[in-house]
Protein backbone atom coordinates (compact mmCIF):
# COMPACT_ATOMS: atom_id res chain seq x y z
CA MET A 1 4.40 7.15 10.44
CA THR A 2 6.07 10.50 9.82
CA ILE A 3 8.48 8.95 7.34
CA ILE A 4 5.59 7.47 5.34
CA TYR A 5 3.76 10.81 5.41
CA LEU A 6 6.85 12.68 4.19
CA PHE A 7 7.50 10.08 1.48
CA LEU A 8 3.94 10.37 0.18
CA LEU A 9 4.15 14.16 0.28
CA ALA A 10 7.38 14.08 -1.74
CA GLN A 11 5.78 11.64 -4.20
CA VAL A 12 2.80 13.95 -4.73
CA ILE A 13 5.09 16.93 -5.33
CA HIS A 14 7.16 14.86 -7.77
CA ASP A 15 4.08 13.68 -9.67
CA ILE A 16 2.68 17.21 -9.92
CA PHE A 17 6.04 18.42 -11.24
CA GLU A 18 6.08 15.60 -13.84
CA ILE A 19 2.55 16.47 -14.95
CA ILE A 20 3.44 20.14 -15.36
CA MET A 21 6.75 19.55 -17.18
CA HIS A 22 5.96 16.54 -19.37
CA GLY A 23 2.16 16.48 -19.56
CA ARG A 24 1.71 12.87 -18.50
CA PRO A 25 -2.02 12.66 -17.67
CA GLY A 26 -1.64 9.10 -16.34
CA LEU A 27 0.03 10.51 -13.25
CA MET A 28 -3.07 12.50 -12.31
CA PHE A 29 -4.83 9.44 -10.88
CA THR A 30 -1.84 8.39 -8.81
CA THR A 31 -1.49 11.95 -7.55
CA PHE A 32 -5.15 11.98 -6.50
CA PHE A 33 -4.67 8.60 -4.81
CA TYR A 34 -1.62 9.84 -2.89
CA ALA A 35 -3.46 13.01 -1.90
CA LEU A 36 -6.34 10.90 -0.59
CA ILE A 37 -3.93 8.81 1.49
CA LEU A 38 -2.22 11.95 2.83
CA ASP A 39 -5.55 13.48 3.80
CA SER A 40 -6.67 10.30 5.55
CA MET A 41 -3.41 10.06 7.48
CA LYS A 42 -3.67 13.71 8.49
CA SER A 43 -7.22 13.18 9.72
CA CYS A 44 -6.27 10.09 11.72
CA ILE A 45 -3.37 11.90 13.38
CA THR A 46 -5.50 14.97 14.16
CA LEU A 47 -8.40 12.95 15.57
CA SER A 48 -6.02 10.85 17.66
CA LEU A 49 -4.48 13.99 19.15
CA VAL A 50 -7.91 15.44 19.90
CA TYR A 51 -8.93 12.19 21.60
CA CYS A 52 -5.74 12.04 23.66
CA ILE A 53 -5.84 15.68 24.70
CA VAL A 54 -9.54 16.29 25.28
CA VAL A 55 -11.00 12.96 26.29
CA ARG A 56 -8.16 11.20 28.07
CA ARG A 57 -6.41 14.16 29.66
CA PHE A 58 -9.22 16.52 30.65
CA MET A 59 -12.20 14.14 30.56
CA HIS A 60 -14.56 16.93 29.51
CA LEU A 61 -16.81 14.66 27.54
CA ASP A 62 -17.28 12.19 30.36
CA THR A 63 -17.98 14.58 33.26
CA ASN A 64 -20.05 17.21 31.46
CA GLU A 65 -22.24 14.78 29.58
CA ASN A 66 -25.00 14.75 32.23
CA GLU A 67 -25.38 18.53 32.08
CA TYR A 68 -26.54 18.43 28.46
CA THR A 69 -28.82 15.39 28.46
CA ASP A 70 -32.47 15.85 29.24
CA PRO A 71 -33.90 12.91 31.22
CA ASN A 72 -37.42 13.67 29.95
CA ALA A 73 -36.32 13.56 26.30
CA GLU A 74 -36.39 9.75 26.28
CA LYS A 75 -39.99 9.56 27.48
CA ILE A 76 -42.49 9.48 24.65
CA PRO A 77 -45.94 10.83 25.52
CA LYS A 78 -48.81 8.51 24.67
């Protein structure tokens, strides 16, 4: 996964350099596409780490959930 991320990062840097030096506007769309992929991969990695650290290790979401829910909130007055 890291190798793919580094490859895409190098490809984006290369495409930006080509656009600056040679003015090839066709590379702008591929650069945007690679940037979108990089951002999605970064988000998946970050959210996976948050899930592993917070939810699986400390279980804060599971044990503290009852403190914040109001049992009367589900009842609708008639």
